[in-house]
């Protein structure tokens, strides 16, 4: 998510991703505290499920931003479709 290529739009996307990651960090700390306090398994699993969903959504946002950058580069004649294929392969693993 380089800001040089995408300018203001890219900076906004990076800010959104960082905000999501900060929320996730807080949720993970909460999960750790719940385990330390020996809280009910259902409560722990509910929070864990929410964390997993939030992490997936954050990954999707990063991927969408990357694809937008690749598309913009391709439109300028600067991009390489190999980079897109490589990212798709990484996501399948």
N, C-alpha and C. Protein backbone atom coordinates (compact mmCIF):
# COMPACT_ATOMS: atom_id res chain seq x y z
N UNK A 1 0.83 -1.18 0.00
CA UNK A 1 0.00 0.00 0.00
C UNK A 1 0.88 1.25 0.00
N UNK A 2 1.59 1.43 -1.07
CA UNK A 2 2.48 2.57 -1.15
C UNK A 2 1.70 3.84 -1.42
N UNK A 3 2.05 4.92 -0.74
CA UNK A 3 1.33 6.18 -0.93
C UNK A 3 1.80 6.94 -2.15
N UNK A 4 2.98 6.65 -2.63
CA UNK A 4 3.50 7.39 -3.78
C UNK A 4 2.62 7.17 -5.01
N UNK A 5 2.19 5.96 -5.25
CA UNK A 5 1.42 5.66 -6.45
C UNK A 5 -0.02 6.13 -6.34
N UNK A 6 -0.63 6.02 -5.16
CA UNK A 6 -2.05 6.28 -5.05
C UNK A 6 -2.43 7.62 -4.47
N UNK A 7 -1.48 8.38 -3.94
CA UNK A 7 -1.77 9.70 -3.41
C UNK A 7 -2.75 9.68 -2.25
N UNK A 8 -3.69 10.63 -2.27
CA UNK A 8 -4.64 10.80 -1.17
C UNK A 8 -5.50 9.56 -0.96
N UNK A 9 -5.98 8.96 -2.05
CA UNK A 9 -6.82 7.77 -1.93
C UNK A 9 -6.08 6.66 -1.19
N UNK A 10 -4.82 6.49 -1.52
CA UNK A 10 -4.02 5.45 -0.90
C UNK A 10 -3.78 5.74 0.58
N UNK A 11 -3.59 7.01 0.90
CA UNK A 11 -3.39 7.41 2.29
C UNK A 11 -4.65 7.10 3.11
N UNK A 12 -5.82 7.36 2.52
CA UNK A 12 -7.08 7.05 3.20
C UNK A 12 -7.23 5.55 3.41
N UNK A 13 -6.87 4.77 2.41
CA UNK A 13 -6.97 3.31 2.54
C UNK A 13 -6.02 2.81 3.62
N UNK A 14 -4.82 3.37 3.65
CA UNK A 14 -3.86 2.96 4.68
C UNK A 14 -4.38 3.32 6.06
N UNK A 15 -4.98 4.49 6.20
CA UNK A 15 -5.55 4.91 7.48
C UNK A 15 -6.67 3.96 7.91
N UNK A 16 -7.52 3.57 6.96
CA UNK A 16 -8.61 2.63 7.29
C UNK A 16 -8.05 1.29 7.74
N UNK A 17 -7.03 0.80 7.06
CA UNK A 17 -6.42 -0.48 7.43
C UNK A 17 -5.79 -0.38 8.81
N UNK A 18 -5.05 0.69 9.06
CA UNK A 18 -4.41 0.84 10.36
C UNK A 18 -5.43 0.95 11.49
N UNK A 19 -6.53 1.64 11.24
CA UNK A 19 -7.59 1.73 12.26
C UNK A 19 -8.19 0.36 12.55
N UNK A 20 -8.40 -0.42 11.51
CA UNK A 20 -8.94 -1.77 11.70
C UNK A 20 -7.95 -2.63 12.49
N UNK A 21 -6.68 -2.51 12.16
CA UNK A 21 -5.67 -3.30 12.86
C UNK A 21 -5.57 -2.91 14.33
N UNK A 22 -5.71 -1.64 14.63
CA UNK A 22 -5.70 -1.20 16.02
C UNK A 22 -6.89 -1.76 16.79
N UNK A 23 -8.07 -1.78 16.14
CA UNK A 23 -9.25 -2.39 16.78
C UNK A 23 -9.01 -3.87 17.00
N UNK A 24 -8.44 -4.54 16.01
CA UNK A 24 -8.14 -5.96 16.15
C UNK A 24 -7.16 -6.21 17.28
N UNK A 25 -6.17 -5.36 17.40
CA UNK A 25 -5.21 -5.49 18.48
C UNK A 25 -5.91 -5.43 19.83
N UNK A 26 -6.85 -4.50 19.98
CA UNK A 26 -7.61 -4.40 21.22
C UNK A 26 -8.46 -5.64 21.46
N UNK A 27 -9.06 -6.15 20.39
CA UNK A 27 -9.87 -7.36 20.54
C UNK A 27 -9.02 -8.55 20.96
N UNK A 28 -7.83 -8.67 20.39
CA UNK A 28 -6.95 -9.79 20.74
C UNK A 28 -6.51 -9.65 22.20
N UNK A 29 -6.23 -8.44 22.64
CA UNK A 29 -5.90 -8.25 24.05
C UNK A 29 -7.08 -8.66 24.95
N UNK A 30 -8.28 -8.29 24.51
CA UNK A 30 -9.47 -8.70 25.26
C UNK A 30 -9.63 -10.20 25.31
N UNK A 31 -9.33 -10.85 24.20
CA UNK A 31 -9.39 -12.31 24.14
C UNK A 31 -8.37 -12.92 25.11
N UNK A 32 -7.18 -12.37 25.12
CA UNK A 32 -6.14 -12.86 26.03
C UNK A 32 -6.60 -12.70 27.48
N UNK A 33 -7.19 -11.57 27.79
CA UNK A 33 -7.67 -11.33 29.15
C UNK A 33 -8.78 -12.32 29.52
N UNK A 34 -9.66 -12.61 28.58
CA UNK A 34 -10.74 -13.56 28.84
C UNK A 34 -10.17 -14.94 29.15
N UNK A 35 -9.14 -15.35 28.42
CA UNK A 35 -8.52 -16.66 28.67
C UNK A 35 -7.85 -16.65 30.04
N UNK A 36 -7.13 -15.56 30.34
CA UNK A 36 -6.46 -15.47 31.64
C UNK A 36 -7.47 -15.52 32.79
N UNK A 37 -8.65 -14.95 32.57
CA UNK A 37 -9.69 -14.93 33.61
C UNK A 37 -10.52 -16.21 33.62
N UNK A 38 -10.18 -17.15 32.75
CA UNK A 38 -10.90 -18.41 32.65
C UNK A 38 -12.39 -18.21 32.40
N UNK A 39 -12.68 -17.31 31.46
CA UNK A 39 -14.07 -17.02 31.11
C UNK A 39 -14.70 -18.18 30.38
N UNK A 40 -16.00 -18.15 30.26
CA UNK A 40 -16.78 -19.19 29.60
C UNK A 40 -16.31 -19.38 28.15
N UNK A 41 -16.19 -20.64 27.75
CA UNK A 41 -15.71 -20.97 26.41
C UNK A 41 -16.57 -20.34 25.32
N UNK A 42 -17.87 -20.29 25.54
CA UNK A 42 -18.74 -19.70 24.52
C UNK A 42 -18.42 -18.22 24.30
N UNK A 43 -18.16 -17.50 25.37
CA UNK A 43 -17.79 -16.08 25.26
C UNK A 43 -16.49 -15.93 24.50
N UNK A 44 -15.52 -16.78 24.84
CA UNK A 44 -14.21 -16.73 24.18
C UNK A 44 -14.36 -17.04 22.69
N UNK A 45 -15.11 -18.08 22.38
CA UNK A 45 -15.29 -18.47 20.98
C UNK A 45 -16.06 -17.42 20.19
N UNK A 46 -17.00 -16.75 20.84
CA UNK A 46 -17.75 -15.69 20.16
C UNK A 46 -16.81 -14.54 19.79
N UNK A 47 -15.97 -14.13 20.73
CA UNK A 47 -15.01 -13.07 20.44
C UNK A 47 -14.01 -13.53 19.39
N UNK A 48 -13.54 -14.75 19.49
CA UNK A 48 -12.60 -15.28 18.51
C UNK A 48 -13.20 -15.26 17.10
N UNK A 49 -14.45 -15.62 16.99
CA UNK A 49 -15.12 -15.60 15.70
C UNK A 49 -15.18 -14.18 15.13
N UNK A 50 -15.46 -13.22 16.00
CA UNK A 50 -15.50 -11.83 15.56
C UNK A 50 -14.13 -11.34 15.11
N UNK A 51 -13.10 -11.75 15.81
CA UNK A 51 -11.74 -11.38 15.45
C UNK A 51 -11.36 -11.96 14.09
N UNK A 52 -11.71 -13.22 13.89
CA UNK A 52 -11.40 -13.86 12.61
C UNK A 52 -12.10 -13.14 11.46
N UNK A 53 -13.36 -12.79 11.67
CA UNK A 53 -14.11 -12.08 10.63
C UNK A 53 -13.52 -10.70 10.35
N UNK A 54 -13.14 -10.00 11.41
CA UNK A 54 -12.55 -8.67 11.25
C UNK A 54 -11.20 -8.75 10.54
N UNK A 55 -10.43 -9.77 10.84
CA UNK A 55 -9.14 -9.95 10.19
C UNK A 55 -9.33 -10.25 8.70
N UNK A 56 -10.29 -11.09 8.38
CA UNK A 56 -10.59 -11.39 6.98
C UNK A 56 -11.02 -10.13 6.24
N UNK A 57 -11.88 -9.32 6.87
CA UNK A 57 -12.34 -8.09 6.24
C UNK A 57 -11.19 -7.12 6.01
N UNK A 58 -10.25 -7.08 6.94
CA UNK A 58 -9.08 -6.23 6.80
C UNK A 58 -8.21 -6.73 5.64
N UNK A 59 -8.04 -8.02 5.56
CA UNK A 59 -7.29 -8.60 4.44
C UNK A 59 -7.95 -8.29 3.11
N UNK A 60 -9.27 -8.35 3.08
CA UNK A 60 -10.00 -8.02 1.85
C UNK A 60 -9.76 -6.57 1.45
N UNK A 61 -9.76 -5.67 2.42
CA UNK A 61 -9.52 -4.25 2.15
C UNK A 61 -8.11 -4.04 1.59
N UNK A 62 -7.14 -4.71 2.18
CA UNK A 62 -5.76 -4.61 1.68
C UNK A 62 -5.69 -5.14 0.24
N UNK A 63 -6.33 -6.26 -0.01
CA UNK A 63 -6.33 -6.86 -1.34
C UNK A 63 -7.01 -5.95 -2.36
N UNK A 64 -8.15 -5.39 -2.00
CA UNK A 64 -8.87 -4.47 -2.90
C UNK A 64 -8.01 -3.25 -3.23
N UNK A 65 -7.35 -2.72 -2.23
CA UNK A 65 -6.50 -1.55 -2.44
C UNK A 65 -5.35 -1.90 -3.38
N UNK A 66 -4.76 -3.06 -3.17
CA UNK A 66 -3.67 -3.51 -4.03
C UNK A 66 -4.14 -3.66 -5.47
N UNK A 67 -5.31 -4.26 -5.65
CA UNK A 67 -5.83 -4.43 -7.01
C UNK A 67 -6.11 -3.09 -7.67
N UNK A 68 -6.61 -2.13 -6.90
CA UNK A 68 -6.84 -0.79 -7.45
C UNK A 68 -5.52 -0.17 -7.91
N UNK A 69 -4.47 -0.34 -7.12
CA UNK A 69 -3.16 0.17 -7.50
C UNK A 69 -2.67 -0.50 -8.78
N UNK A 70 -2.84 -1.81 -8.85
CA UNK A 70 -2.41 -2.56 -10.04
C UNK A 70 -3.19 -2.09 -11.27
N UNK A 71 -4.49 -1.90 -11.09
CA UNK A 71 -5.33 -1.45 -12.21
C UNK A 71 -4.89 -0.08 -12.69
N UNK A 72 -4.60 0.83 -11.75
CA UNK A 72 -4.16 2.17 -12.12
C UNK A 72 -2.82 2.10 -12.86
N UNK A 73 -1.92 1.26 -12.38
CA UNK A 73 -0.63 1.10 -13.05
C UNK A 73 -0.80 0.53 -14.46
N UNK A 74 -1.69 -0.46 -14.59
CA UNK A 74 -1.93 -1.04 -15.91
C UNK A 74 -2.52 -0.02 -16.87
N UNK A 75 -3.41 0.84 -16.36
CA UNK A 75 -4.02 1.87 -17.20
C UNK A 75 -2.97 2.86 -17.70
N UNK A 76 -1.93 3.08 -16.89
CA UNK A 76 -0.84 3.98 -17.28
C UNK A 76 0.20 3.27 -18.13
N UNK A 77 0.03 1.97 -18.32
CA UNK A 77 1.00 1.20 -19.09
C UNK A 77 2.23 0.83 -18.28
N UNK A 78 2.11 0.91 -16.95
CA UNK A 78 3.27 0.66 -16.09
C UNK A 78 3.18 -0.66 -15.34
N UNK A 79 2.03 -1.27 -15.31
CA UNK A 79 1.83 -2.44 -14.46
C UNK A 79 2.22 -3.74 -15.11
N UNK A 80 2.12 -4.77 -14.30
CA UNK A 80 2.47 -6.11 -14.75
C UNK A 80 1.42 -7.07 -14.20
N UNK A 81 0.76 -7.81 -15.06
CA UNK A 81 -0.28 -8.73 -14.61
C UNK A 81 0.29 -9.86 -13.77
N UNK A 82 1.57 -10.12 -13.87
CA UNK A 82 2.20 -11.17 -13.07
C UNK A 82 2.05 -10.88 -11.57
N UNK A 83 2.10 -9.62 -11.19
CA UNK A 83 1.97 -9.25 -9.79
C UNK A 83 0.58 -9.61 -9.27
N UNK A 84 -0.43 -9.41 -10.08
CA UNK A 84 -1.80 -9.74 -9.68
C UNK A 84 -1.94 -11.25 -9.51
N UNK A 85 -1.42 -12.01 -10.44
CA UNK A 85 -1.48 -13.47 -10.36
C UNK A 85 -0.76 -13.96 -9.11
N UNK A 86 0.37 -13.36 -8.79
CA UNK A 86 1.13 -13.75 -7.61
C UNK A 86 0.33 -13.52 -6.33
N UNK A 87 -0.35 -12.39 -6.24
CA UNK A 87 -1.13 -12.08 -5.05
C UNK A 87 -2.31 -13.05 -4.91
N UNK A 88 -2.96 -13.35 -6.00
CA UNK A 88 -4.07 -14.31 -5.96
C UNK A 88 -3.56 -15.66 -5.47
N UNK A 89 -2.39 -16.07 -5.92
CA UNK A 89 -1.82 -17.34 -5.46
C UNK A 89 -1.53 -17.30 -3.96
N UNK A 90 -1.02 -16.17 -3.49
CA UNK A 90 -0.75 -16.04 -2.05
C UNK A 90 -2.03 -16.17 -1.24
N UNK A 91 -3.12 -15.62 -1.73
CA UNK A 91 -4.38 -15.66 -0.99
C UNK A 91 -4.98 -17.06 -0.96
N UNK A 92 -4.67 -17.87 -1.92
CA UNK A 92 -5.20 -19.23 -1.94
C UNK A 92 -4.53 -20.14 -0.94
N UNK A 93 -3.40 -19.76 -0.42
CA UNK A 93 -2.64 -20.61 0.52
C UNK A 93 -3.06 -20.35 1.92
